[in-house]
Amino acid sequence: MDLLRLPVWERLSKKLRDRIEKPRYSGTFTAEGAQERGMRLALGRIGSSHEAIQICLYWLIDESDGIIADAKFQALGPTGLIVACDAACELALRKNYDQASRFSADVIEKHLHDQVPQEWSTYFNRVVEAIDQAVGQCSDIPFAAVYEATPIEEDLGSIPGGIPGWEEFPEEKKLVILDEVVDKQIRPYVELDAGGVKVLGIRDNGEVRISYEGSCTTCPSATGSTLSAIQKILRARVHPALTVVPEL
């Protein structure tokens, strides 16, 4: 059966259908309510009554550190737009607006950990436009140059025993696989903190050598929680015997 010929609804997972029927972050905030909570209200609006798409993002910003304390949205448009807005709000929580300014359509889509229809790509791009507007209303708020790193989204749906034949693969093939996993499941989240991760090599004992770039080179979590998350993901998605060693 050609899945692309099925109606969009029939191609969606139960998790995506639930998010459409019961969005987790649908709603609004008022300026008065934000003031009562000691927060700044930042709005990201795109679209108009003449367009088929309208979005309004509502962020409550802590003016002491630029952290997005709460997020909601209103949207008028196709179901894919609802999913994109809901995922963007969820991803923004507890990050500062500087981190949110690095959100891309790809990062928001990957946050869902699900296969979304290709035709939804335009909705994720429109949400990024709304985010850019909200970020622009926060530029005068200070944020810490060093802050808790963005938690890497750990997709730990493991492959029992690892990728079949992994031990017999030549080093070049292993590096291609490792870099693909890092690129899809690790690098986008590290980049939210202006950091980077590069796979340098793999030893016969399963030791994966990586290097950090950007802000990761001075971040304490580079040898703690971030390193642990990277190792867990590689063990789950590639092989359970892998260990990750950063070259600092």
Foldseek 3Di string as FASTA:
>chain_A
DPLVPDPQVVNDDPVLVCCLVPPPAADEDDCVNLVVVQWGWFWFWDDDPVDQKIKIKIFTANLQAQQGQFIHMDMGHDSLLSLLRSLLRVLRHRHGLLLSLLDALLNSVVSVVTDHDPVSSVSNRVVNNSSVRRSVVNVVRHHDLADDAQQFDAPQQADVQFDPPLLVDPFVVVQVVLVVLCVRRPASRRCSSVKGKAFDGADNQQETEMEMGGPLVPHPCVPPRSLVRSLSRCCRHGNVRHHYDYDD
